[in-house]
C-alpha atoms as a PDB file:
ATOM      1  CA  MET A   1     107.886  85.973 141.116  1.00  0.00           C
ATOM      2  CA  LEU A   2     110.486  83.544 139.781  1.00  0.00           C
ATOM      3  CA  THR A   3     111.193  80.148 141.438  1.00  0.00           C
ATOM      4  CA  LYS A   4     114.483  80.017 143.523  1.00  0.00           C
ATOM      5  CA  GLU A   5     115.984  77.896 140.482  1.00  0.00           C
ATOM      6  CA  CYS A   6     115.137  80.655 137.887  1.00  0.00           C
ATOM      7  CA  THR A   7     116.251  83.308 140.302  1.00  0.00           C
ATOM      8  CA  ARG A   8     119.652  81.599 140.606  1.00  0.00           C
ATOM      9  CA  HIS A   9     119.783  81.281 136.918  1.00  0.00           C
ATOM     10  CA  VAL A  10     119.289  85.029 136.216  1.00  0.00           C
ATOM     11  CA  ILE A  11     121.754  86.217 138.975  1.00  0.00           C
ATOM     12  CA  GLU A  12     124.403  83.554 137.594  1.00  0.00           C
ATOM     13  CA  GLU A  13     123.800  84.972 134.020  1.00  0.00           C
ATOM     14  CA  ILE A  14     124.305  88.592 135.311  1.00  0.00           C
ATOM     15  CA  ILE A  15     127.468  87.328 136.971  1.00  0.00           C
ATOM     16  CA  HIS A  16     128.739  85.723 133.700  1.00  0.00           C
ATOM     17  CA  LEU A  17     127.916  88.931 131.951  1.00  0.00           C
ATOM     18  CA  PHE A  18     130.395  90.961 134.371  1.00  0.00           C
ATOM     19  CA  PRO A  19     132.671  88.493 135.735  1.00  0.00           C
ATOM     20  CA  ASP A  20     135.364  90.895 136.532  1.00  0.00           C
ATOM     21  CA  ALA A  21     133.228  93.482 138.440  1.00  0.00           C
ATOM     22  CA  GLU A  22     134.990  95.184 141.062  1.00  0.00           C
ATOM     23  CA  PRO A  23     133.875  98.007 143.666  1.00  0.00           C
ATOM     24  CA  ALA A  24     133.631 101.442 142.062  1.00  0.00           C
ATOM     25  CA  LEU A  25     134.666 103.258 145.065  1.00  0.00           C
ATOM     26  CA  ASP A  26     138.349 104.166 145.906  1.00  0.00           C
ATOM     27  CA  TYR A  27     139.829 103.470 149.113  1.00  0.00           C
ATOM     28  CA  GLU A  28     142.907 102.136 150.583  1.00  0.00           C
ATOM     29  CA  ASN A  29     141.948 100.511 153.873  1.00  0.00           C
ATOM     30  CA  ASN A  30     138.885  99.463 155.633  1.00  0.00           C
ATOM     31  CA  PHE A  31     138.422 102.924 157.389  1.00  0.00           C
ATOM     32  CA  GLN A  32     138.309 104.577 153.788  1.00  0.00           C
ATOM     33  CA  LEU A  33     135.848 102.033 152.786  1.00  0.00           C
ATOM     34  CA  VAL A  34     133.379 102.825 155.492  1.00  0.00           C
ATOM     35  CA  CYS A  35     133.612 106.607 154.743  1.00  0.00           C
ATOM     36  CA  ALA A  36     133.424 105.966 150.905  1.00  0.00           C
ATOM     37  CA  VAL A  37     130.368 103.920 151.264  1.00  0.00           C
ATOM     38  CA  LEU A  38     128.776 106.160 153.919  1.00  0.00           C
ATOM     39  CA  LEU A  39     129.279 109.053 151.484  1.00  0.00           C
ATOM     40  CA  SER A  40     127.722 107.362 148.503  1.00  0.00           C
ATOM     41  CA  ALA A  41     124.176 107.333 149.778  1.00  0.00           C
ATOM     42  CA  GLN A  42     121.996 109.182 147.254  1.00  0.00           C
ATOM     43  CA  THR A  43     124.640 110.125 145.064  1.00  0.00           C
ATOM     44  CA  THR A  44     127.023 108.321 142.351  1.00  0.00           C
ATOM     45  CA  ASP A  45     130.486 106.676 143.207  1.00  0.00           C
ATOM     46  CA  ILE A  46     131.991 108.954 140.634  1.00  0.00           C
ATOM     47  CA  ALA A  47     131.078 111.939 142.817  1.00  0.00           C
ATOM     48  CA  VAL A  48     132.246 110.220 145.805  1.00  0.00           C
ATOM     49  CA  ASN A  49     135.607 109.276 144.238  1.00  0.00           C
ATOM     50  CA  LYS A  50     135.953 112.881 143.238  1.00  0.00           C
ATOM     51  CA  VAL A  51     135.763 114.197 146.893  1.00  0.00           C
ATOM     52  CA  THR A  52     137.493 111.445 148.768  1.00  0.00           C
ATOM     53  CA  LYS A  53     140.625 112.082 146.696  1.00  0.00           C
ATOM     54  CA  ASP A  54     141.454 114.980 149.046  1.00  0.00           C
ATOM     55  CA  LEU A  55     139.533 113.936 151.949  1.00  0.00           C
ATOM     56  CA  PHE A  56     141.462 110.948 152.254  1.00  0.00           C
ATOM     57  CA  ARG A  57     144.736 112.769 151.662  1.00  0.00           C
ATOM     58  CA  ASP A  58     144.231 115.077 154.582  1.00  0.00           C
ATOM     59  CA  PHE A  59     142.408 112.655 156.843  1.00  0.00           C
ATOM     60  CA  PRO A  60     143.559 109.159 156.035  1.00  0.00           C
ATOM     61  CA  THR A  61     143.070 107.694 159.409  1.00  0.00           C
ATOM     62  CA  PRO A  62     140.437 107.441 162.170  1.00  0.00           C
ATOM     63  CA  GLU A  63     142.751 109.496 164.230  1.00  0.00           C
ATOM     64  CA  THR A  64     143.086 112.375 162.054  1.00  0.00           C
ATOM     65  CA  MET A  65     139.529 112.655 161.052  1.00  0.00           C
ATOM     66  CA  ALA A  66     138.537 112.234 164.962  1.00  0.00           C
ATOM     67  CA  LYS A  67     140.398 115.632 165.628  1.00  0.00           C
ATOM     68  CA  ALA A  68     138.250 117.423 162.964  1.00  0.00           C
ATOM     69  CA  THR A  69     134.899 118.982 162.988  1.00  0.00           C
ATOM     70  CA  PRO A  70     132.009 118.643 160.848  1.00  0.00           C
ATOM     71  CA  GLU A  71     132.686 122.401 159.639  1.00  0.00           C
ATOM     72  CA  ILE A  72     136.206 121.360 158.617  1.00  0.00           C
ATOM     73  CA  ILE A  73     134.975 118.355 156.873  1.00  0.00           C
ATOM     74  CA  GLU A  74     132.139 120.052 154.912  1.00  0.00           C
ATOM     75  CA  PRO A  75     134.055 121.962 152.325  1.00  0.00           C
ATOM     76  CA  TYR A  76     135.659 118.624 151.021  1.00  0.00           C
ATOM     77  CA  ILE A  77     132.124 117.024 150.232  1.00  0.00           C
ATOM     78  CA  LYS A  78     130.014 119.948 149.681  1.00  0.00           C
ATOM     79  CA  THR A  79     129.481 118.809 146.061  1.00  0.00           C
ATOM     80  CA  ILE A  80     127.710 115.673 147.143  1.00  0.00           C
ATOM     81  CA  GLY A  81     124.079 115.270 148.549  1.00  0.00           C
ATOM     82  CA  LEU A  82     123.234 115.465 152.382  1.00  0.00           C
ATOM     83  CA  TYR A  83     126.823 116.735 152.872  1.00  0.00           C
ATOM     84  CA  HIS A  84     125.801 118.176 156.251  1.00  0.00           C
ATOM     85  CA  ASN A  85     124.718 115.116 157.842  1.00  0.00           C
ATOM     86  CA  LYS A  86     127.413 113.038 156.271  1.00  0.00           C
ATOM     87  CA  SER A  87     130.221 115.215 157.510  1.00  0.00           C
ATOM     88  CA  GLU A  88     128.904 114.877 160.949  1.00  0.00           C
ATOM     89  CA  TYR A  89     128.743 111.023 160.396  1.00  0.00           C
ATOM     90  CA  LEU A  90     132.208 111.113 159.238  1.00  0.00           C
ATOM     91  CA  VAL A  91     133.683 112.724 162.445  1.00  0.00           C
ATOM     92  CA  GLN A  92     131.537 110.814 164.774  1.00  0.00           C
ATOM     93  CA  THR A  93     132.320 107.668 163.269  1.00  0.00           C
ATOM     94  CA  ALA A  94     136.105 108.323 163.384  1.00  0.00           C
ATOM     95  CA  GLN A  95     135.720 109.283 166.905  1.00  0.00           C
ATOM     96  CA  LYS A  96     133.861 106.164 168.055  1.00  0.00           C
ATOM     97  CA  LEU A  97     136.400 104.251 166.296  1.00  0.00           C
ATOM     98  CA  VAL A  98     139.209 105.761 168.012  1.00  0.00           C
ATOM     99  CA  GLU A  99     137.431 105.759 171.291  1.00  0.00           C
ATOM    100  CA  ASP A 100     135.940 102.184 171.211  1.00  0.00           C
ATOM    101  CA  TYR A 101     137.876 100.276 168.750  1.00  0.00           C
ATOM    102  CA  GLN A 102     141.267 101.480 169.098  1.00  0.00           C
ATOM    103  CA  GLY A 103     141.115 103.111 165.456  1.00  0.00           C
ATOM    104  CA  ARG A 104     140.435  99.845 163.799  1.00  0.00           C
ATOM    105  CA  VAL A 105     137.163  99.087 161.782  1.00  0.00           C
ATOM    106  CA  PRO A 106     135.317  96.235 163.566  1.00  0.00           C
ATOM    107  CA  GLY A 107     134.516  93.187 161.621  1.00  0.00           C
ATOM    108  CA  LYS A 108     131.179  92.287 163.130  1.00  0.00           C
ATOM    109  CA  ARG A 109     127.919  93.393 161.757  1.00  0.00           C
ATOM    110  CA  ARG A 110     126.610  94.588 165.076  1.00  0.00           C
ATOM    111  CA  ASP A 111     129.586  96.642 165.746  1.00  0.00           C
ATOM    112  CA  LEU A 112     129.748  98.233 162.338  1.00  0.00           C
ATOM    113  CA  GLU A 113     126.011  99.225 162.482  1.00  0.00           C
ATOM    114  CA  SER A 114     126.920 101.113 165.790  1.00  0.00           C
ATOM    115  CA  LEU A 115     128.910 103.596 163.899  1.00  0.00           C
ATOM    116  CA  PRO A 116     127.051 106.914 163.089  1.00  0.00           C
ATOM    117  CA  GLY A 117     125.427 106.892 159.511  1.00  0.00           C
ATOM    118  CA  VAL A 118     126.070 103.199 159.047  1.00  0.00           C
ATOM    119  CA  GLY A 119     123.323 101.062 158.378  1.00  0.00           C
ATOM    120  CA  ARG A 120     122.705  97.457 157.187  1.00  0.00           C
ATOM    121  CA  LYS A 121     123.850  98.300 153.501  1.00  0.00           C
ATOM    122  CA  THR A 122     126.975  99.949 154.283  1.00  0.00           C
ATOM    123  CA  ALA A 123     127.920  97.278 156.960  1.00  0.00           C
ATOM    124  CA  SER A 124     127.261  94.426 154.312  1.00  0.00           C
ATOM    125  CA  VAL A 125     129.486  96.244 151.885  1.00  0.00           C
ATOM    126  CA  VAL A 126     132.167  96.520 154.349  1.00  0.00           C
ATOM    127  CA  LEU A 127     131.898  92.966 155.624  1.00  0.00           C
ATOM    128  CA  SER A 128     131.927  91.459 152.104  1.00  0.00           C
ATOM    129  CA  VAL A 129     134.256  93.720 150.594  1.00  0.00           C
ATOM    130  CA  GLY A 130     136.685  94.510 153.342  1.00  0.00           C
ATOM    131  CA  PHE A 131     136.636  91.391 155.462  1.00  0.00           C
ATOM    132  CA  ASP A 132     135.786  88.687 152.914  1.00  0.00           C
ATOM    133  CA  THR A 133     132.797  87.730 155.201  1.00  0.00           C
ATOM    134  CA  PRO A 134     129.760  86.608 153.438  1.00  0.00           C
ATOM    135  CA  ALA A 135     126.976  89.416 153.033  1.00  0.00           C
ATOM    136  CA  PHE A 136     124.931  90.955 150.426  1.00  0.00           C
ATOM    137  CA  ALA A 137     124.318  94.591 150.106  1.00  0.00           C
ATOM    138  CA  VAL A 138     121.114  95.887 148.642  1.00  0.00           C
ATOM    139  CA  ASP A 139     121.466  99.256 146.801  1.00  0.00           C
ATOM    140  CA  THR A 140     119.335 100.989 144.483  1.00  0.00           C
ATOM    141  CA  HIS A 141     120.635  98.999 141.394  1.00  0.00           C
ATOM    142  CA  VAL A 142     120.249  95.625 143.139  1.00  0.00           C
ATOM    143  CA  SER A 143     116.785  96.617 144.285  1.00  0.00           C
ATOM    144  CA  ARG A 144     115.610  97.750 140.601  1.00  0.00           C
ATOM    145  CA  VAL A 145     117.254  94.755 138.911  1.00  0.00           C
ATOM    146  CA  SER A 146     115.468  92.514 141.378  1.00  0.00           C
ATOM    147  CA  LYS A 147     112.171  93.903 140.988  1.00  0.00           C
ATOM    148  CA  HIS A 148     112.362  94.203 137.126  1.00  0.00           C
ATOM    149  CA  HIS A 149     113.317  90.640 136.677  1.00  0.00           C
ATOM    150  CA  HIS A 150     110.713  89.294 139.214  1.00  0.00           C
ATOM    151  CA  ILE A 151     113.181  88.110 141.855  1.00  0.00           C
ATOM    152  CA  ALA A 152     111.491  90.310 144.187  1.00  0.00           C
ATOM    153  CA  GLU A 153     107.781  91.662 144.810  1.00  0.00           C
ATOM    154  CA  PRO A 154     107.414  95.270 143.712  1.00  0.00           C
ATOM    155  CA  ASP A 155     106.880  96.326 147.338  1.00  0.00           C
ATOM    156  CA  TRP A 156     109.590  94.482 148.865  1.00  0.00           C
ATOM    157  CA  THR A 157     112.023  96.240 151.201  1.00  0.00           C
ATOM    158  CA  PRO A 158     115.930  96.168 150.673  1.00  0.00           C
ATOM    159  CA  ARG A 159     116.108  93.470 153.615  1.00  0.00           C
ATOM    160  CA  GLN A 160     113.349  91.159 152.023  1.00  0.00           C
ATOM    161  CA  ILE A 161     115.222  91.368 148.688  1.00  0.00           C
ATOM    162  CA  GLU A 162     118.692  90.467 150.566  1.00  0.00           C
ATOM    163  CA  LYS A 163     116.861  87.404 152.277  1.00  0.00           C
ATOM    164  CA  ARG A 164     115.488  86.223 149.127  1.00  0.00           C
ATOM    165  CA  ILE A 165     118.767  86.405 147.071  1.00  0.00           C
ATOM    166  CA  CYS A 166     120.715  84.896 149.672  1.00  0.00           C
ATOM    167  CA  GLU A 167     118.390  81.916 149.802  1.00  0.00           C
ATOM    168  CA  CYS A 168     118.756  81.453 146.125  1.00  0.00           C
ATOM    169  CA  ILE A 169     122.359  81.586 145.765  1.00  0.00           C
ATOM    170  CA  PRO A 170     125.248  80.087 147.581  1.00  0.00           C
ATOM    171  CA  GLU A 171     127.454  82.326 149.907  1.00  0.00           C
ATOM    172  CA  SER A 172     130.497  82.131 147.703  1.00  0.00           C
ATOM    173  CA  GLU A 173     128.425  84.287 144.969  1.00  0.00           C
ATOM    174  CA  TRP A 174     126.994  86.801 147.147  1.00  0.00           C
ATOM    175  CA  LEU A 175     129.476  89.367 146.689  1.00  0.00           C
ATOM    176  CA  LYS A 176     130.087  88.605 142.961  1.00  0.00           C
ATOM    177  CA  ALA A 177     126.335  88.990 142.544  1.00  0.00           C
ATOM    178  CA  HIS A 178     126.172  92.255 144.242  1.00  0.00           C
ATOM    179  CA  LEU A 179     129.057  93.706 142.174  1.00  0.00           C
ATOM    180  CA  ALA A 180     127.543  92.350 138.843  1.00  0.00           C
ATOM    181  CA  MET A 181     124.096  93.481 139.498  1.00  0.00           C
ATOM    182  CA  ILE A 182     125.129  96.834 140.280  1.00  0.00           C
ATOM    183  CA  LEU A 183     126.960  96.949 136.940  1.00  0.00           C
ATOM    184  CA  PHE A 184     123.910  95.411 135.107  1.00  0.00           C
ATOM    185  CA  GLY A 185     121.767  98.112 136.764  1.00  0.00           C
ATOM    186  CA  ARG A 186     124.081 100.846 135.454  1.00  0.00           C
ATOM    187  CA  GLN A 187     124.732  99.573 131.894  1.00  0.00           C
ATOM    188  CA  ILE A 188     121.780  97.631 130.854  1.00  0.00           C
ATOM    189  CA  CYS A 189     118.863  97.592 133.300  1.00  0.00           C
ATOM    190  CA  HIS A 190     118.319 101.264 133.448  1.00  0.00           C
ATOM    191  CA  PRO A 191     115.575 102.982 135.356  1.00  0.00           C
ATOM    192  CA  LYS A 192     114.217 104.139 131.986  1.00  0.00           C
ATOM    193  CA  ASN A 193     114.228 102.330 128.809  1.00  0.00           C
ATOM    194  CA  PRO A 194     116.222  99.136 130.291  1.00  0.00           C
ATOM    195  CA  GLU A 195     117.689  97.008 127.534  1.00  0.00           C
ATOM    196  CA  CYS A 196     117.494  93.616 129.258  1.00  0.00           C
ATOM    197  CA  GLU A 197     115.707  92.101 126.265  1.00  0.00           C
ATOM    198  CA  ASN A 198     118.886  92.233 124.417  1.00  0.00           C
ATOM    199  CA  TYR A 199     120.233  89.339 126.644  1.00  0.00           C
ATOM    200  CA  PRO A 200     117.871  86.305 126.012  1.00  0.00           C
ATOM    201  CA  GLN A 201     120.255  84.251 128.036  1.00  0.00           C
ATOM    202  CA  LEU A 202     118.702  85.745 131.134  1.00  0.00           C
ATOM    203  CA  TYR A 203     115.294  84.153 130.344  1.00  0.00           C
ATOM    204  CA  THR A 204     116.220  80.576 129.265  1.00  0.00           C
ATOM    205  CA  CYS A 205     115.066  79.370 132.574  1.00  0.00           C
ATOM    206  CA  LEU A 206     111.483  80.487 131.857  1.00  0.00           C
ATOM    207  CA  THR A 207     111.236  79.174 128.420  1.00  0.00           C
ATOM    208  CA  GLU A 208     112.265  75.843 129.502  1.00  0.00           C
ATOM    209  CA  GLU A 209     109.388  75.475 131.966  1.00  0.00           C
END
């Protein structure tokens, strides 16, 4: 596994490759951000953006979605995976926001993770993107990149990967690293036939040792 110094070097070189990386999900407020990230589990951001266009048009706020039922929501999201469970999570989350948080998305991790269907990754995305609070989210791309580049051990959990990366780079780079590593995973460090060797600047730390 890479040293902390080499880990930081690799991650910062990835950031340099994608300095303008932005969230790929479409949303207009933190409620829509929560919904979009929740929907993105085991599917693509492109697929999510296709369904949220109509979903957010008809249910733009927690108050409007809280009045719906999963059966009403399902047709909007039926083209993405796990839509039965996700429709329930959306309605239940909207209801909890209305009942417990005056219709506002809370800005603390514990409160976010109390929302139905919201786990650590979703909470981290909402904290970092929606509230500008230091947090580092580990999705499938970040996990794959970390393991491929020996930032993490092959059997590490997302929580272990998060801890390692947060130890190696400053808080100010957590969000930039998350977004850049996602694009790097999508465009370069593919699950099959990764093209990382075409970017030798990633490995100068190793050659200097």
